[in-house]
Amino acid sequence: MTTSTPTVESGSVQHGLEAHSHGAGVPIQTRYERKRSTNVADFPAISTREEQWRYLPAARLKGLDADSLAEYVGDLEIKHTDGVTTAWVGSDNPAFGGAGIPEERPSAAAWGSAEQAYLVTLPGNAKSEVQLTLNSESIEPSAIHLIVDAKPFAESTVILDHKGEAILSENLEIIVGDEAHLTLISIQDWNAEAVHASTQMARLGRNAKLKHLVVSLGGETVRVSTSAEFTQPGGDVELLGMYFADEDQHLENRLYVDHAVPNCKSRVTYKGALQGDGAHTVWVGDVLIRMAAEGTDTYELNRNLLLTDGARADSVPNLEIETGQIAGAGHASASGRFDDEQLFYLQARGIPEIEARRLVVRGFLNEIIQQIGNEEIEARLTDAIEAELARSNS
């Protein structure tokens, strides 16, 4: 395993790109019509009247919606197996913008402010592992651009770990080449007052497979917007997520799966627990099946467990279908309190109520944690959940 600490540098300025523009007052008719641009000026000021910002007022972003941001100056440490290469690249690199461009203001601000992207290239026809850690102590609103490029026939696992203090807008591009299999895990384990807005865009080639897992625990406000686009038949995406919101925390996950070509499969499973006054989670799942995407097989699921009064979970699944020639499509969403029958069952076998409640939460979230496949990370996240539960005294 190779370890290095890259230096953050400046480079060439990114070019702007503006997508389809809607006339004033004309509503967006379908998900793919949403504006895309690398120019922050193309996006209006954030307002809760916009669907993208319905649950998150601009004040909670602490400046990440500004016209420009500082470049990220925290530590960036990478460990990787042989064959993986890294480099700082500018907009002239073919991978730059290869997975997509911003759909909202903080992402566009980060695109223009981080003049170079940190590119991690995963070798084709080989197995590889990468652990990339961002550890910041700066509370200046800042930006970073990361690219993970899995070459054809790669078999790779990438763990992206966020720690410390930060007010950070992040663009993460994920390129999954033909026949490549990639597992990418993004962990948000910030200190209590951190703010993080992360746009994670994936584009898949022919018969490519992506397992994408988001874990959000720490931070005052954490918003992860994940999108996956199929460009060739045979693609397979599994989007998994786990979050635990405490008092006054806002943890938001927005997902978009674009089935633009035939015979692709997607599965979305997100689970969250909430406790404490003002704990707020948001999950919005958008799946679009376009006219050409015959043979699509998709399903999305969100479950939320509210542990105390004063916590709120918003869950909005959306499914848009333009063709009836599909293998299957569906979604499910539920938010609720403990199952009294489960608690009674455990207590009837001599388990105290407090421990019974903890066992239910552990079992509820463990379905996601065990998907990580890294014993050290799994143990760390399990310990973090135990610490959360200990604070609840329930």
Foldseek 3Di string as FASTA:
>chain_A
DDKDWDAQDADAFADKDWDDDDDPPDDDPDDVNQIFMLQLVVADDDDCVDPVCVPPDPVLLVPLLDRAFAADHFIKMKDKDPPKDKDKAANVDPQNCVQHGDRHNSRSRQNRHRRTAIEIEFDAPEEMEMEIETEDADAGEHHHEYEYAYEHRYEYEYEYEYEEAYSYEYEYEYEFEANYEYEYEYEAAYAAAHEYEYEYGYEYEHLYEYEYEYEYEHHQEYEYEYEYEYDYANYEYEYEYEYEWEANHEAEYEYEYEQPAEHYEYEAEYEYEYEHANGEYEYEYEYEHAPHHAAYYYEHEYEYEYAYPRYYYHYHYYYHYDDPRYPDYYYYYDYDYDDVVQQVVVVVVPDDSLVSVVVVVCVRRVVRLVVNPDVVVSVVVVVSSVVVSVVRSD
